[in-house]
PDB file of N, CA and C in Angstrom:
ATOM      1  N   UNK A   1     -41.358  31.751 -28.174  1.00  0.00           N
ATOM      2  CA  UNK A   1     -41.626  30.684 -29.124  1.00  0.00           C
ATOM      3  C   UNK A   1     -41.442  31.207 -30.547  1.00  0.00           C
ATOM      4  N   UNK A   2     -40.889  30.363 -31.386  1.00  0.00           N
ATOM      5  CA  UNK A   2     -40.732  30.685 -32.799  1.00  0.00           C
ATOM      6  C   UNK A   2     -41.261  29.491 -33.595  1.00  0.00           C
ATOM      7  N   UNK A   3     -41.504  29.719 -34.882  1.00  0.00           N
ATOM      8  CA  UNK A   3     -42.054  28.662 -35.724  1.00  0.00           C
ATOM      9  C   UNK A   3     -40.972  28.065 -36.601  1.00  0.00           C
ATOM     10  N   UNK A   4     -40.931  26.735 -36.652  1.00  0.00           N
ATOM     11  CA  UNK A   4     -39.998  26.053 -37.541  1.00  0.00           C
ATOM     12  C   UNK A   4     -40.403  26.360 -38.986  1.00  0.00           C
ATOM     13  N   UNK A   5     -39.467  26.867 -39.806  1.00  0.00           N
ATOM     14  CA  UNK A   5     -39.815  27.200 -41.193  1.00  0.00           C
ATOM     15  C   UNK A   5     -40.046  25.974 -42.072  1.00  0.00           C
ATOM     16  N   UNK A   6     -39.691  24.788 -41.577  1.00  0.00           N
ATOM     17  CA  UNK A   6     -39.846  23.573 -42.373  1.00  0.00           C
ATOM     18  C   UNK A   6     -41.181  22.886 -42.094  1.00  0.00           C
ATOM     19  N   UNK A   7     -41.474  22.644 -40.799  1.00  0.00           N
ATOM     20  CA  UNK A   7     -42.682  21.878 -40.475  1.00  0.00           C
ATOM     21  C   UNK A   7     -43.752  22.695 -39.763  1.00  0.00           C
ATOM     22  N   UNK A   8     -43.429  23.932 -39.347  1.00  0.00           N
ATOM     23  CA  UNK A   8     -44.422  24.783 -38.703  1.00  0.00           C
ATOM     24  C   UNK A   8     -44.586  24.546 -37.217  1.00  0.00           C
ATOM     25  N   UNK A   9     -43.779  23.670 -36.641  1.00  0.00           N
ATOM     26  CA  UNK A   9     -43.882  23.384 -35.208  1.00  0.00           C
ATOM     27  C   UNK A   9     -43.417  24.579 -34.384  1.00  0.00           C
ATOM     28  N   UNK A  10     -43.948  24.706 -33.197  1.00  0.00           N
ATOM     29  CA  UNK A  10     -43.511  25.748 -32.279  1.00  0.00           C
ATOM     30  C   UNK A  10     -42.211  25.286 -31.632  1.00  0.00           C
ATOM     31  N   UNK A  11     -41.182  26.113 -31.726  1.00  0.00           N
ATOM     32  CA  UNK A  11     -39.869  25.803 -31.151  1.00  0.00           C
ATOM     33  C   UNK A  11     -39.591  26.834 -30.066  1.00  0.00           C
ATOM     34  N   UNK A  12     -39.264  26.347 -28.874  1.00  0.00           N
ATOM     35  CA  UNK A  12     -38.997  27.257 -27.771  1.00  0.00           C
ATOM     36  C   UNK A  12     -37.532  27.678 -27.787  1.00  0.00           C
ATOM     37  N   UNK A  13     -37.315  28.998 -27.774  1.00  0.00           N
ATOM     38  CA  UNK A  13     -35.950  29.523 -27.699  1.00  0.00           C
ATOM     39  C   UNK A  13     -35.574  29.650 -26.229  1.00  0.00           C
ATOM     40  N   UNK A  14     -34.327  29.377 -25.903  1.00  0.00           N
ATOM     41  CA  UNK A  14     -33.864  29.557 -24.539  1.00  0.00           C
ATOM     42  C   UNK A  14     -33.806  31.051 -24.222  1.00  0.00           C
ATOM     43  N   UNK A  15     -33.821  31.380 -22.955  1.00  0.00           N
ATOM     44  CA  UNK A  15     -33.820  32.781 -22.537  1.00  0.00           C
ATOM     45  C   UNK A  15     -32.549  33.495 -22.974  1.00  0.00           C
ATOM     46  N   UNK A  16     -31.454  32.735 -23.131  1.00  0.00           N
ATOM     47  CA  UNK A  16     -30.174  33.345 -23.509  1.00  0.00           C
ATOM     48  C   UNK A  16     -29.812  33.097 -24.973  1.00  0.00           C
ATOM     49  N   UNK A  17     -30.828  32.797 -25.795  1.00  0.00           N
ATOM     50  CA  UNK A  17     -30.579  32.552 -27.223  1.00  0.00           C
ATOM     51  C   UNK A  17     -30.002  33.808 -27.875  1.00  0.00           C
ATOM     52  N   UNK A  18     -29.076  33.595 -28.807  1.00  0.00           N
ATOM     53  CA  UNK A  18     -28.453  34.707 -29.514  1.00  0.00           C
ATOM     54  C   UNK A  18     -28.578  34.483 -31.014  1.00  0.00           C
ATOM     55  N   UNK A  19     -28.574  35.564 -31.785  1.00  0.00           N
ATOM     56  CA  UNK A  19     -28.637  35.470 -33.243  1.00  0.00           C
ATOM     57  C   UNK A  19     -27.426  34.686 -33.730  1.00  0.00           C
ATOM     58  N   UNK A  20     -27.672  33.742 -34.615  1.00  0.00           N
ATOM     59  CA  UNK A  20     -26.607  32.908 -35.150  1.00  0.00           C
ATOM     60  C   UNK A  20     -26.492  31.563 -34.454  1.00  0.00           C
ATOM     61  N   UNK A  21     -27.182  31.412 -33.323  1.00  0.00           N
ATOM     62  CA  UNK A  21     -27.137  30.145 -32.584  1.00  0.00           C
ATOM     63  C   UNK A  21     -27.844  29.059 -33.387  1.00  0.00           C
ATOM     64  N   UNK A  22     -27.338  27.846 -33.331  1.00  0.00           N
ATOM     65  CA  UNK A  22     -27.949  26.721 -34.030  1.00  0.00           C
ATOM     66  C   UNK A  22     -28.715  25.861 -33.040  1.00  0.00           C
ATOM     67  N   UNK A  23     -29.848  25.351 -33.485  1.00  0.00           N
ATOM     68  CA  UNK A  23     -30.649  24.444 -32.673  1.00  0.00           C
ATOM     69  C   UNK A  23     -31.365  23.480 -33.592  1.00  0.00           C
ATOM     70  N   UNK A  24     -31.991  22.469 -33.006  1.00  0.00           N
ATOM     71  CA  UNK A  24     -32.675  21.459 -33.800  1.00  0.00           C
ATOM     72  C   UNK A  24     -34.164  21.500 -33.502  1.00  0.00           C
ATOM     73  N   UNK A  25     -34.980  21.382 -34.541  1.00  0.00           N
ATOM     74  CA  UNK A  25     -36.428  21.335 -34.352  1.00  0.00           C
ATOM     75  C   UNK A  25     -36.770  20.017 -33.657  1.00  0.00           C
ATOM     76  N   UNK A  26     -37.510  20.073 -32.542  1.00  0.00           N
ATOM     77  CA  UNK A  26     -37.853  18.835 -31.831  1.00  0.00           C
ATOM     78  C   UNK A  26     -38.818  17.944 -32.598  1.00  0.00           C
ATOM     79  N   UNK A  27     -39.546  18.497 -33.576  1.00  0.00           N
ATOM     80  CA  UNK A  27     -40.506  17.699 -34.331  1.00  0.00           C
ATOM     81  C   UNK A  27     -39.895  17.039 -35.562  1.00  0.00           C
ATOM     82  N   UNK A  28     -39.232  17.849 -36.426  1.00  0.00           N
ATOM     83  CA  UNK A  28     -38.754  17.292 -37.701  1.00  0.00           C
ATOM     84  C   UNK A  28     -37.240  17.058 -37.729  1.00  0.00           C
ATOM     85  N   UNK A  29     -36.514  17.578 -36.733  1.00  0.00           N
ATOM     86  CA  UNK A  29     -35.077  17.333 -36.657  1.00  0.00           C
ATOM     87  C   UNK A  29     -34.227  18.221 -37.549  1.00  0.00           C
ATOM     88  N   UNK A  30     -34.838  19.198 -38.223  1.00  0.00           N
ATOM     89  CA  UNK A  30     -34.083  20.105 -39.081  1.00  0.00           C
ATOM     90  C   UNK A  30     -33.188  20.999 -38.231  1.00  0.00           C
ATOM     91  N   UNK A  31     -31.957  21.228 -38.686  1.00  0.00           N
ATOM     92  CA  UNK A  31     -31.082  22.149 -37.984  1.00  0.00           C
ATOM     93  C   UNK A  31     -31.503  23.577 -38.320  1.00  0.00           C
ATOM     94  N   UNK A  32     -31.738  24.361 -37.285  1.00  0.00           N
ATOM     95  CA  UNK A  32     -32.249  25.713 -37.449  1.00  0.00           C
ATOM     96  C   UNK A  32     -31.250  26.727 -36.917  1.00  0.00           C
ATOM     97  N   UNK A  33     -31.320  27.934 -37.476  1.00  0.00           N
ATOM     98  CA  UNK A  33     -30.478  29.033 -37.023  1.00  0.00           C
ATOM     99  C   UNK A  33     -31.375  30.137 -36.492  1.00  0.00           C
ATOM    100  N   UNK A  34     -30.999  30.708 -35.347  1.00  0.00           N
ATOM    101  CA  UNK A  34     -31.739  31.829 -34.788  1.00  0.00           C
ATOM    102  C   UNK A  34     -31.419  33.065 -35.632  1.00  0.00           C
ATOM    103  N   UNK A  35     -32.449  33.628 -36.280  1.00  0.00           N
ATOM    104  CA  UNK A  35     -32.281  34.812 -37.125  1.00  0.00           C
ATOM    105  C   UNK A  35     -32.626  36.089 -36.372  1.00  0.00           C
ATOM    106  N   UNK A  36     -33.408  35.956 -35.326  1.00  0.00           N
ATOM    107  CA  UNK A  36     -33.804  37.107 -34.526  1.00  0.00           C
ATOM    108  C   UNK A  36     -34.344  36.642 -33.190  1.00  0.00           C
ATOM    109  N   UNK A  37     -34.199  37.476 -32.163  1.00  0.00           N
ATOM    110  CA  UNK A  37     -34.699  37.104 -30.844  1.00  0.00           C
ATOM    111  C   UNK A  37     -35.860  37.985 -30.391  1.00  0.00           C
ATOM    112  N   UNK A  38     -36.037  39.151 -31.004  1.00  0.00           N
ATOM    113  CA  UNK A  38     -37.137  40.026 -30.622  1.00  0.00           C
ATOM    114  C   UNK A  38     -37.664  40.747 -31.861  1.00  0.00           C
ATOM    115  N   UNK A  39     -38.614  40.203 -32.583  1.00  0.00           N
ATOM    116  CA  UNK A  39     -39.329  38.964 -32.256  1.00  0.00           C
ATOM    117  C   UNK A  39     -38.516  37.720 -32.616  1.00  0.00           C
ATOM    118  N   UNK A  40     -38.831  36.586 -31.966  1.00  0.00           N
ATOM    119  CA  UNK A  40     -38.093  35.350 -32.266  1.00  0.00           C
ATOM    120  C   UNK A  40     -38.333  34.892 -33.701  1.00  0.00           C
ATOM    121  N   UNK A  41     -37.260  34.584 -34.400  1.00  0.00           N
ATOM    122  CA  UNK A  41     -37.361  34.137 -35.796  1.00  0.00           C
ATOM    123  C   UNK A  41     -36.314  33.072 -36.050  1.00  0.00           C
ATOM    124  N   UNK A  42     -36.744  31.997 -36.706  1.00  0.00           N
ATOM    125  CA  UNK A  42     -35.845  30.896 -37.046  1.00  0.00           C
ATOM    126  C   UNK A  42     -35.801  30.709 -38.551  1.00  0.00           C
ATOM    127  N   UNK A  43     -34.666  30.218 -39.048  1.00  0.00           N
ATOM    128  CA  UNK A  43     -34.520  29.874 -40.446  1.00  0.00           C
ATOM    129  C   UNK A  43     -33.723  28.583 -40.536  1.00  0.00           C
ATOM    130  N   UNK A  44     -33.734  27.958 -41.697  1.00  0.00           N
ATOM    131  CA  UNK A  44     -32.933  26.752 -41.870  1.00  0.00           C
ATOM    132  C   UNK A  44     -31.459  27.118 -41.778  1.00  0.00           C
ATOM    133  N   UNK A  45     -30.706  26.329 -41.037  1.00  0.00           N
ATOM    134  CA  UNK A  45     -29.272  26.578 -40.921  1.00  0.00           C
ATOM    135  C   UNK A  45     -28.617  26.316 -42.265  1.00  0.00           C
ATOM    136  N   UNK A  46     -27.629  27.121 -42.624  1.00  0.00           N
ATOM    137  CA  UNK A  46     -26.948  26.882 -43.906  1.00  0.00           C
ATOM    138  C   UNK A  46     -26.218  25.544 -43.880  1.00  0.00           C
ATOM    139  N   UNK A  47     -26.228  24.882 -45.019  1.00  0.00           N
ATOM    140  CA  UNK A  47     -25.508  23.606 -45.135  1.00  0.00           C
ATOM    141  C   UNK A  47     -24.004  23.893 -45.063  1.00  0.00           C
ATOM    142  N   UNK A  48     -23.323  23.181 -44.198  1.00  0.00           N
ATOM    143  CA  UNK A  48     -21.874  23.351 -44.141  1.00  0.00           C
ATOM    144  C   UNK A  48     -21.244  22.320 -45.062  1.00  0.00           C
ATOM    145  N   UNK A  49     -20.391  22.784 -45.926  1.00  0.00           N
ATOM    146  CA  UNK A  49     -19.740  21.879 -46.875  1.00  0.00           C
ATOM    147  C   UNK A  49     -18.435  21.391 -46.296  1.00  0.00           C
ATOM    148  N   UNK A  50     -18.107  20.157 -46.605  1.00  0.00           N
ATOM    149  CA  UNK A  50     -16.850  19.598 -46.136  1.00  0.00           C
ATOM    150  C   UNK A  50     -15.688  20.315 -46.783  1.00  0.00           C
ATOM    151  N   UNK A  51     -14.702  20.650 -46.001  1.00  0.00           N
ATOM    152  CA  UNK A  51     -13.498  21.278 -46.513  1.00  0.00           C
ATOM    153  C   UNK A  51     -12.367  20.275 -46.394  1.00  0.00           C
ATOM    154  N   UNK A  52     -11.957  19.744 -47.509  1.00  0.00           N
ATOM    155  CA  UNK A  52     -10.927  18.709 -47.514  1.00  0.00           C
ATOM    156  C   UNK A  52      -9.556  19.329 -47.678  1.00  0.00           C
ATOM    157  N   UNK A  53      -9.414  20.619 -47.424  1.00  0.00           N
ATOM    158  CA  UNK A  53      -8.105  21.263 -47.495  1.00  0.00           C
ATOM    159  C   UNK A  53      -7.619  21.502 -48.913  1.00  0.00           C
ATOM    160  N   UNK A  54      -8.509  21.592 -49.851  1.00  0.00           N
ATOM    161  CA  UNK A  54      -8.118  21.770 -51.245  1.00  0.00           C
ATOM    162  C   UNK A  54      -8.083  23.231 -51.607  1.00  0.00           C
TER     163      UNK A  54
END
């Protein structure tokens, strides 16, 4: 279990979670990134900017 950095909810990581994996907080819906698996740590996923080919 890891804690959502936005709302503090407990988020369960899958057994095969890897650093860099993206997931969604079941409580607040924030997109989260796995920062560590031992110990489990989550952070807000970086905002992806649209690339219009410029």
